[in-house]
Amino acid sequence: MAAKKGADKTSKDEQIGFHKGSLTTLVKERQELARIIGIVEQLIQFHMGALKELGVDLAQQTEIQEAMGVSPGKKGSKKKPIDEIL
């Protein structure tokens, strides 16, 4: 009986370690994703500025696309919830 309690404690400690390690990894992944999003946002702003300097009115183009029933940047793809993916 005492051996079983020791095994349960070890198993619980292993589970705790596993979940703590997973959280550490996921937090680092989230930080990296935020960094990448920042870079992409800078690139978007750069290209929008360049188009504006060239006389392209992005707001007007968006309005035209919406009037035609086309969502800018979306091509009919619907994202599945994560529980369906897993």
PDB file of N, CA and C in Angstrom:
ATOM      1  N   MET A   1       0.816  -1.188   0.000  1.00  0.00           N
ATOM      2  CA  MET A   1       0.000   0.000   0.000  1.00  0.00           C
ATOM      3  C   MET A   1       0.865   1.259   0.000  1.00  0.00           C
ATOM      4  N   ALA A   2       1.937   1.230   0.777  1.00  0.00           N
ATOM      5  CA  ALA A   2       2.833   2.382   0.842  1.00  0.00           C
ATOM      6  C   ALA A   2       3.543   2.591  -0.488  1.00  0.00           C
ATOM      7  N   ALA A   3       3.849   1.492  -1.180  1.00  0.00           N
ATOM      8  CA  ALA A   3       4.510   1.601  -2.479  1.00  0.00           C
ATOM      9  C   ALA A   3       3.588   2.253  -3.494  1.00  0.00           C
ATOM     10  N   LYS A   4       2.297   1.977  -3.401  1.00  0.00           N
ATOM     11  CA  LYS A   4       1.341   2.560  -4.338  1.00  0.00           C
ATOM     12  C   LYS A   4       1.243   4.072  -4.136  1.00  0.00           C
ATOM     13  N   LYS A   5       1.251   4.517  -2.864  1.00  0.00           N
ATOM     14  CA  LYS A   5       1.201   5.956  -2.599  1.00  0.00           C
ATOM     15  C   LYS A   5       2.441   6.651  -3.143  1.00  0.00           C
ATOM     16  N   GLY A   6       3.584   6.002  -3.020  1.00  0.00           N
ATOM     17  CA  GLY A   6       4.823   6.558  -3.561  1.00  0.00           C
ATOM     18  C   GLY A   6       4.774   6.656  -5.071  1.00  0.00           C
ATOM     19  N   ALA A   7       4.189   5.638  -5.712  1.00  0.00           N
ATOM     20  CA  ALA A   7       4.058   5.645  -7.172  1.00  0.00           C
ATOM     21  C   ALA A   7       3.086   6.727  -7.620  1.00  0.00           C
ATOM     22  N   ASP A   8       1.995   6.908  -6.855  1.00  0.00           N
ATOM     23  CA  ASP A   8       1.027   7.951  -7.187  1.00  0.00           C
ATOM     24  C   ASP A   8       1.661   9.332  -7.068  1.00  0.00           C
ATOM     25  N   LYS A   9       2.485   9.515  -6.040  1.00  0.00           N
ATOM     26  CA  LYS A   9       3.163  10.802  -5.833  1.00  0.00           C
ATOM     27  C   LYS A   9       4.123  11.094  -6.979  1.00  0.00           C
ATOM     28  N   THR A  10       4.873  10.059  -7.387  1.00  0.00           N
ATOM     29  CA  THR A  10       5.803  10.235  -8.501  1.00  0.00           C
ATOM     30  C   THR A  10       5.035  10.557  -9.775  1.00  0.00           C
ATOM     31  N   SER A  11       3.939   9.840  -9.995  1.00  0.00           N
ATOM     32  CA  SER A  11       3.140  10.074 -11.186  1.00  0.00           C
ATOM     33  C   SER A  11       2.578  11.497 -11.181  1.00  0.00           C
ATOM     34  N   LYS A  12       2.113  11.936 -10.016  1.00  0.00           N
ATOM     35  CA  LYS A  12       1.582  13.293  -9.912  1.00  0.00           C
ATOM     36  C   LYS A  12       2.687  14.314 -10.162  1.00  0.00           C
ATOM     37  N   ASP A  13       3.871  14.075  -9.593  1.00  0.00           N
ATOM     38  CA  ASP A  13       5.004  14.978  -9.813  1.00  0.00           C
ATOM     39  C   ASP A  13       5.401  15.016 -11.288  1.00  0.00           C
ATOM     40  N   GLU A  14       5.348  13.860 -11.946  1.00  0.00           N
ATOM     41  CA  GLU A  14       5.665  13.812 -13.380  1.00  0.00           C
ATOM     42  C   GLU A  14       4.642  14.603 -14.177  1.00  0.00           C
ATOM     43  N   GLN A  15       3.377  14.471 -13.822  1.00  0.00           N
ATOM     44  CA  GLN A  15       2.330  15.210 -14.524  1.00  0.00           C
ATOM     45  C   GLN A  15       2.502  16.715 -14.327  1.00  0.00           C
ATOM     46  N   ILE A  16       2.820  17.103 -13.100  1.00  0.00           N
ATOM     47  CA  ILE A  16       3.035  18.524 -12.819  1.00  0.00           C
ATOM     48  C   ILE A  16       4.207  19.046 -13.649  1.00  0.00           C
ATOM     49  N   GLY A  17       5.289  18.292 -13.687  1.00  0.00           N
ATOM     50  CA  GLY A  17       6.452  18.689 -14.481  1.00  0.00           C
ATOM     51  C   GLY A  17       6.131  18.786 -15.959  1.00  0.00           C
ATOM     52  N   PHE A  18       5.356  17.823 -16.449  1.00  0.00           N
ATOM     53  CA  PHE A  18       4.962  17.826 -17.859  1.00  0.00           C
ATOM     54  C   PHE A  18       4.171  19.085 -18.194  1.00  0.00           C
ATOM     55  N   HIS A  19       3.181  19.405 -17.354  1.00  0.00           N
ATOM     56  CA  HIS A  19       2.330  20.563 -17.632  1.00  0.00           C
ATOM     57  C   HIS A  19       3.101  21.879 -17.481  1.00  0.00           C
ATOM     58  N   LYS A  20       3.988  21.958 -16.504  1.00  0.00           N
ATOM     59  CA  LYS A  20       4.808  23.166 -16.356  1.00  0.00           C
ATOM     60  C   LYS A  20       5.720  23.344 -17.565  1.00  0.00           C
ATOM     61  N   GLY A  21       6.315  22.265 -18.026  1.00  0.00           N
ATOM     62  CA  GLY A  21       7.172  22.333 -19.213  1.00  0.00           C
ATOM     63  C   GLY A  21       6.393  22.744 -20.444  1.00  0.00           C
ATOM     64  N   SER A  22       5.184  22.202 -20.570  1.00  0.00           N
ATOM     65  CA  SER A  22       4.329  22.562 -21.705  1.00  0.00           C
ATOM     66  C   SER A  22       3.985  24.039 -21.677  1.00  0.00           C
ATOM     67  N   LEU A  23       3.636  24.542 -20.501  1.00  0.00           N
ATOM     68  CA  LEU A  23       3.307  25.966 -20.389  1.00  0.00           C
ATOM     69  C   LEU A  23       4.495  26.849 -20.734  1.00  0.00           C
ATOM     70  N   THR A  24       5.664  26.474 -20.274  1.00  0.00           N
ATOM     71  CA  THR A  24       6.872  27.243 -20.584  1.00  0.00           C
ATOM     72  C   THR A  24       7.095  27.302 -22.091  1.00  0.00           C
ATOM     73  N   THR A  25       6.963  26.160 -22.738  1.00  0.00           N
ATOM     74  CA  THR A  25       7.143  26.096 -24.192  1.00  0.00           C
ATOM     75  C   THR A  25       6.097  26.938 -24.909  1.00  0.00           C
ATOM     76  N   LEU A  26       4.839  26.824 -24.493  1.00  0.00           N
ATOM     77  CA  LEU A  26       3.767  27.569 -25.149  1.00  0.00           C
ATOM     78  C   LEU A  26       3.915  29.077 -24.953  1.00  0.00           C
ATOM     79  N   VAL A  27       4.366  29.506 -23.794  1.00  0.00           N
ATOM     80  CA  VAL A  27       4.583  30.938 -23.554  1.00  0.00           C
ATOM     81  C   VAL A  27       5.679  31.461 -24.478  1.00  0.00           C
ATOM     82  N   LYS A  28       6.745  30.693 -24.634  1.00  0.00           N
ATOM     83  CA  LYS A  28       7.823  31.102 -25.543  1.00  0.00           C
ATOM     84  C   LYS A  28       7.327  31.142 -26.986  1.00  0.00           C
ATOM     85  N   GLU A  29       6.502  30.175 -27.373  1.00  0.00           N
ATOM     86  CA  GLU A  29       5.932  30.166 -28.726  1.00  0.00           C
ATOM     87  C   GLU A  29       5.044  31.389 -28.944  1.00  0.00           C
ATOM     88  N   ARG A  30       4.256  31.738 -27.917  1.00  0.00           N
ATOM     89  CA  ARG A  30       3.382  32.905 -28.028  1.00  0.00           C
ATOM     90  C   ARG A  30       4.204  34.175 -28.185  1.00  0.00           C
ATOM     91  N   GLN A  31       5.297  34.294 -27.442  1.00  0.00           N
ATOM     92  CA  GLN A  31       6.168  35.467 -27.557  1.00  0.00           C
ATOM     93  C   GLN A  31       6.764  35.561 -28.958  1.00  0.00           C
ATOM     94  N   GLU A  32       7.183  34.441 -29.505  1.00  0.00           N
ATOM     95  CA  GLU A  32       7.754  34.432 -30.857  1.00  0.00           C
ATOM     96  C   GLU A  32       6.696  34.805 -31.890  1.00  0.00           C
ATOM     97  N   LEU A  33       5.485  34.302 -31.705  1.00  0.00           N
ATOM     98  CA  LEU A  33       4.396  34.634 -32.618  1.00  0.00           C
ATOM     99  C   LEU A  33       4.095  36.132 -32.572  1.00  0.00           C
ATOM    100  N   ALA A  34       4.096  36.716 -31.380  1.00  0.00           N
ATOM    101  CA  ALA A  34       3.864  38.156 -31.249  1.00  0.00           C
ATOM    102  C   ALA A  34       4.963  38.944 -31.959  1.00  0.00           C
ATOM    103  N   ARG A  35       6.198  38.469 -31.870  1.00  0.00           N
ATOM    104  CA  ARG A  35       7.313  39.128 -32.552  1.00  0.00           C
ATOM    105  C   ARG A  35       7.111  39.065 -34.067  1.00  0.00           C
ATOM    106  N   ILE A  36       6.706  37.911 -34.567  1.00  0.00           N
ATOM    107  CA  ILE A  36       6.479  37.747 -36.005  1.00  0.00           C
ATOM    108  C   ILE A  36       5.325  38.632 -36.462  1.00  0.00           C
ATOM    109  N   ILE A  37       4.268  38.709 -35.668  1.00  0.00           N
ATOM    110  CA  ILE A  37       3.134  39.566 -36.017  1.00  0.00           C
ATOM    111  C   ILE A  37       3.581  41.020 -36.106  1.00  0.00           C
ATOM    112  N   GLY A  38       4.450  41.447 -35.210  1.00  0.00           N
ATOM    113  CA  GLY A  38       4.979  42.810 -35.256  1.00  0.00           C
ATOM    114  C   GLY A  38       5.742  43.079 -36.541  1.00  0.00           C
ATOM    115  N   ILE A  39       6.543  42.116 -36.961  1.00  0.00           N
ATOM    116  CA  ILE A  39       7.306  42.260 -38.207  1.00  0.00           C
ATOM    117  C   ILE A  39       6.362  42.348 -39.398  1.00  0.00           C
ATOM    118  N   VAL A  40       5.359  41.474 -39.431  1.00  0.00           N
ATOM    119  CA  VAL A  40       4.390  41.480 -40.535  1.00  0.00           C
ATOM    120  C   VAL A  40       3.636  42.806 -40.561  1.00  0.00           C
ATOM    121  N   GLU A  41       3.262  43.313 -39.402  1.00  0.00           N
ATOM    122  CA  GLU A  41       2.554  44.593 -39.334  1.00  0.00           C
ATOM    123  C   GLU A  41       3.419  45.725 -39.890  1.00  0.00           C
ATOM    124  N   GLN A  42       4.705  45.725 -39.574  1.00  0.00           N
ATOM    125  CA  GLN A  42       5.616  46.741 -40.115  1.00  0.00           C
ATOM    126  C   GLN A  42       5.689  46.649 -41.636  1.00  0.00           C
ATOM    127  N   LEU A  43       5.753  45.438 -42.157  1.00  0.00           N
ATOM    128  CA  LEU A  43       5.811  45.255 -43.612  1.00  0.00           C
ATOM    129  C   LEU A  43       4.519  45.724 -44.279  1.00  0.00           C
ATOM    130  N   ILE A  44       3.387  45.428 -43.651  1.00  0.00           N
ATOM    131  CA  ILE A  44       2.103  45.886 -44.192  1.00  0.00           C
ATOM    132  C   ILE A  44       2.077  47.409 -44.243  1.00  0.00           C
ATOM    133  N   GLN A  45       2.498  48.054 -43.150  1.00  0.00           N
ATOM    134  CA  GLN A  45       2.509  49.515 -43.113  1.00  0.00           C
ATOM    135  C   GLN A  45       3.439  50.088 -44.177  1.00  0.00           C
ATOM    136  N   PHE A  46       4.585  49.461 -44.374  1.00  0.00           N
ATOM    137  CA  PHE A  46       5.533  49.908 -45.396  1.00  0.00           C
ATOM    138  C   PHE A  46       4.889  49.854 -46.780  1.00  0.00           C
ATOM    139  N   HIS A  47       4.260  48.737 -47.107  1.00  0.00           N
ATOM    140  CA  HIS A  47       3.662  48.582 -48.436  1.00  0.00           C
ATOM    141  C   HIS A  47       2.454  49.502 -48.614  1.00  0.00           C
ATOM    142  N   MET A  48       1.684  49.695 -47.553  1.00  0.00           N
ATOM    143  CA  MET A  48       0.557  50.620 -47.650  1.00  0.00           C
ATOM    144  C   MET A  48       1.054  52.045 -47.896  1.00  0.00           C
ATOM    145  N   GLY A  49       2.128  52.421 -47.216  1.00  0.00           N
ATOM    146  CA  GLY A  49       2.709  53.747 -47.427  1.00  0.00           C
ATOM    147  C   GLY A  49       3.230  53.915 -48.843  1.00  0.00           C
ATOM    148  N   ALA A  50       3.879  52.873 -49.357  1.00  0.00           N
ATOM    149  CA  ALA A  50       4.405  52.930 -50.725  1.00  0.00           C
ATOM    150  C   ALA A  50       3.266  53.061 -51.729  1.00  0.00           C
ATOM    151  N   LEU A  51       2.183  52.319 -51.521  1.00  0.00           N
ATOM    152  CA  LEU A  51       1.036  52.420 -52.426  1.00  0.00           C
ATOM    153  C   LEU A  51       0.396  53.803 -52.341  1.00  0.00           C
ATOM    154  N   LYS A  52       0.330  54.359 -51.143  1.00  0.00           N
ATOM    155  CA  LYS A  52      -0.237  55.698 -50.978  1.00  0.00           C
ATOM    156  C   LYS A  52       0.604  56.729 -51.724  1.00  0.00           C
ATOM    157  N   GLU A  53       1.934  56.601 -51.640  1.00  0.00           N
ATOM    158  CA  GLU A  53       2.824  57.511 -52.366  1.00  0.00           C
ATOM    159  C   GLU A  53       2.641  57.382 -53.872  1.00  0.00           C
ATOM    160  N   LEU A  54       2.273  56.188 -54.324  1.00  0.00           N
ATOM    161  CA  LEU A  54       2.060  55.958 -55.752  1.00  0.00           C
ATOM    162  C   LEU A  54       0.651  56.352 -56.198  1.00  0.00           C
ATOM    163  N   GLY A  55      -0.157  56.850 -55.265  1.00  0.00           N
ATOM    164  CA  GLY A  55      -1.480  57.341 -55.618  1.00  0.00           C
ATOM    165  C   GLY A  55      -2.582  56.308 -55.551  1.00  0.00           C
ATOM    166  N   VAL A  56      -2.332  55.166 -54.962  1.00  0.00           N
ATOM    167  CA  VAL A  56      -3.358  54.130 -54.855  1.00  0.00           C
ATOM    168  C   VAL A  56      -4.164  54.382 -53.587  1.00  0.00           C
ATOM    169  N   ASP A  57      -5.504  54.480 -53.746  1.00  0.00           N
ATOM    170  CA  ASP A  57      -6.395  54.710 -52.610  1.00  0.00           C
ATOM    171  C   ASP A  57      -6.946  53.366 -52.148  1.00  0.00           C
ATOM    172  N   LEU A  58      -6.359  52.834 -51.084  1.00  0.00           N
ATOM    173  CA  LEU A  58      -6.761  51.516 -50.592  1.00  0.00           C
ATOM    174  C   LEU A  58      -8.179  51.519 -50.030  1.00  0.00           C
ATOM    175  N   ALA A  59      -8.593  52.617 -49.406  1.00  0.00           N
ATOM    176  CA  ALA A  59      -9.943  52.697 -48.848  1.00  0.00           C
ATOM    177  C   ALA A  59     -10.978  52.601 -49.960  1.00  0.00           C
ATOM    178  N   GLN A  60     -10.717  53.270 -51.066  1.00  0.00           N
ATOM    179  CA  GLN A  60     -11.645  53.235 -52.193  1.00  0.00           C
ATOM    180  C   GLN A  60     -11.719  51.829 -52.782  1.00  0.00           C
ATOM    181  N   GLN A  61     -10.594  51.158 -52.909  1.00  0.00           N
ATOM    182  CA  GLN A  61     -10.586  49.802 -53.449  1.00  0.00           C
ATOM    183  C   GLN A  61     -11.338  48.839 -52.538  1.00  0.00           C
ATOM    184  N   THR A  62     -11.220  49.034 -51.243  1.00  0.00           N
ATOM    185  CA  THR A  62     -11.936  48.192 -50.285  1.00  0.00           C
ATOM    186  C   THR A  62     -13.436  48.389 -50.436  1.00  0.00           C
ATOM    187  N   GLU A  63     -13.863  49.643 -50.583  1.00  0.00           N
ATOM    188  CA  GLU A  63     -15.287  49.934 -50.761  1.00  0.00           C
ATOM    189  C   GLU A  63     -15.818  49.291 -52.038  1.00  0.00           C
ATOM    190  N   ILE A  64     -15.053  49.345 -53.109  1.00  0.00           N
ATOM    191  CA  ILE A  64     -15.467  48.743 -54.379  1.00  0.00           C
ATOM    192  C   ILE A  64     -15.611  47.236 -54.227  1.00  0.00           C
ATOM    193  N   GLN A  65     -14.643  46.601 -53.575  1.00  0.00           N
ATOM    194  CA  GLN A  65     -14.696  45.152 -53.390  1.00  0.00           C
ATOM    195  C   GLN A  65     -15.888  44.754 -52.527  1.00  0.00           C
ATOM    196  N   GLU A  66     -16.165  45.528 -51.483  1.00  0.00           N
ATOM    197  CA  GLU A  66     -17.304  45.221 -50.622  1.00  0.00           C
ATOM    198  C   GLU A  66     -18.612  45.393 -51.383  1.00  0.00           C
ATOM    199  N   ALA A  67     -18.691  46.409 -52.244  1.00  0.00           N
ATOM    200  CA  ALA A  67     -19.888  46.630 -53.039  1.00  0.00           C
ATOM    201  C   ALA A  67     -20.119  45.481 -54.014  1.00  0.00           C
ATOM    202  N   MET A  68     -19.029  44.882 -54.478  1.00  0.00           N
ATOM    203  CA  MET A  68     -19.131  43.749 -55.404  1.00  0.00           C
ATOM    204  C   MET A  68     -19.386  42.437 -54.661  1.00  0.00           C
ATOM    205  N   GLY A  69     -19.401  42.493 -53.329  1.00  0.00           N
ATOM    206  CA  GLY A  69     -19.645  41.291 -52.545  1.00  0.00           C
ATOM    207  C   GLY A  69     -18.413  40.458 -52.284  1.00  0.00           C
ATOM    208  N   VAL A  70     -17.245  41.051 -52.492  1.00  0.00           N
ATOM    209  CA  VAL A  70     -15.990  40.339 -52.255  1.00  0.00           C
ATOM    210  C   VAL A  70     -15.365  40.911 -50.996  1.00  0.00           C
ATOM    211  N   SER A  71     -15.071  40.031 -50.036  1.00  0.00           N
ATOM    212  CA  SER A  71     -14.388  40.473 -48.819  1.00  0.00           C
ATOM    213  C   SER A  71     -12.909  40.611 -49.107  1.00  0.00           C
ATOM    214  N   PRO A  72     -12.323  41.774 -48.856  1.00  0.00           N
ATOM    215  CA  PRO A  72     -10.889  41.927 -49.109  1.00  0.00           C
ATOM    216  C   PRO A  72     -10.067  40.990 -48.228  1.00  0.00           C
ATOM    217  N   GLY A  73      -9.169  40.272 -48.845  1.00  0.00           N
ATOM    218  CA  GLY A  73      -8.259  39.406 -48.111  1.00  0.00           C
ATOM    219  C   GLY A  73      -8.819  38.059 -47.735  1.00  0.00           C
ATOM    220  N   LYS A  74     -10.083  37.807 -48.032  1.00  0.00           N
ATOM    221  CA  LYS A  74     -10.678  36.520 -47.679  1.00  0.00           C
ATOM    222  C   LYS A  74     -11.217  35.865 -48.939  1.00  0.00           C
ATOM    223  N   LYS A  75     -10.930  34.608 -49.078  1.00  0.00           N
ATOM    224  CA  LYS A  75     -11.349  33.892 -50.279  1.00  0.00           C
ATOM    225  C   LYS A  75     -12.263  32.732 -49.917  1.00  0.00           C
ATOM    226  N   GLY A  76     -13.233  32.989 -49.036  1.00  0.00           N
ATOM    227  CA  GLY A  76     -14.222  31.982 -48.706  1.00  0.00           C
ATOM    228  C   GLY A  76     -13.740  30.875 -47.790  1.00  0.00           C
ATOM    229  N   SER A  77     -12.582  31.020 -47.193  1.00  0.00           N
ATOM    230  CA  SER A  77     -12.088  29.961 -46.317  1.00  0.00           C
ATOM    231  C   SER A  77     -12.601  30.201 -44.906  1.00  0.00           C
ATOM    232  N   LYS A  78     -13.246  29.177 -44.366  1.00  0.00           N
ATOM    233  CA  LYS A  78     -13.715  29.262 -42.992  1.00  0.00           C
ATOM    234  C   LYS A  78     -12.802  28.429 -42.129  1.00  0.00           C
ATOM    235  N   LYS A  79     -12.400  28.997 -41.006  1.00  0.00           N
ATOM    236  CA  LYS A  79     -11.504  28.290 -40.104  1.00  0.00           C
ATOM    237  C   LYS A  79     -12.315  27.370 -39.209  1.00  0.00           C
ATOM    238  N   LYS A  80     -11.787  26.161 -39.024  1.00  0.00           N
ATOM    239  CA  LYS A  80     -12.425  25.200 -38.141  1.00  0.00           C
ATOM    240  C   LYS A  80     -12.005  25.489 -36.708  1.00  0.00           C
ATOM    241  N   PRO A  81     -12.906  25.230 -35.762  1.00  0.00           N
ATOM    242  CA  PRO A  81     -12.498  25.348 -34.356  1.00  0.00           C
ATOM    243  C   PRO A  81     -11.389  24.355 -34.045  1.00  0.00           C
ATOM    244  N   ILE A  82     -10.565  24.702 -33.091  1.00  0.00           N
ATOM    245  CA  ILE A  82      -9.399  23.869 -32.784  1.00  0.00           C
ATOM    246  C   ILE A  82      -9.799  22.474 -32.331  1.00  0.00           C
ATOM    247  N   ASP A  83     -10.945  22.345 -31.661  1.00  0.00           N
ATOM    248  CA  ASP A  83     -11.341  21.013 -31.212  1.00  0.00           C
ATOM    249  C   ASP A  83     -11.685  20.105 -32.387  1.00  0.00           C
ATOM    250  N   GLU A  84     -12.117  20.669 -33.510  1.00  0.00           N
ATOM    251  CA  GLU A  84     -12.361  19.857 -34.702  1.00  0.00           C
ATOM    252  C   GLU A  84     -11.056  19.461 -35.376  1.00  0.00           C
ATOM    253  N   ILE A  85     -10.058  20.328 -35.301  1.00  0.00           N
ATOM    254  CA  ILE A  85      -8.761  20.034 -35.901  1.00  0.00           C
ATOM    255  C   ILE A  85      -8.073  18.914 -35.151  1.00  0.00           C
ATOM    256  N   LEU A  86      -8.143  18.972 -33.822  1.00  0.00           N
ATOM    257  CA  LEU A  86      -7.487  17.965 -32.994  1.00  0.00           C
ATOM    258  C   LEU A  86      -8.285  16.702 -33.050  1.00  0.00           C
TER     259      LEU A  86
END
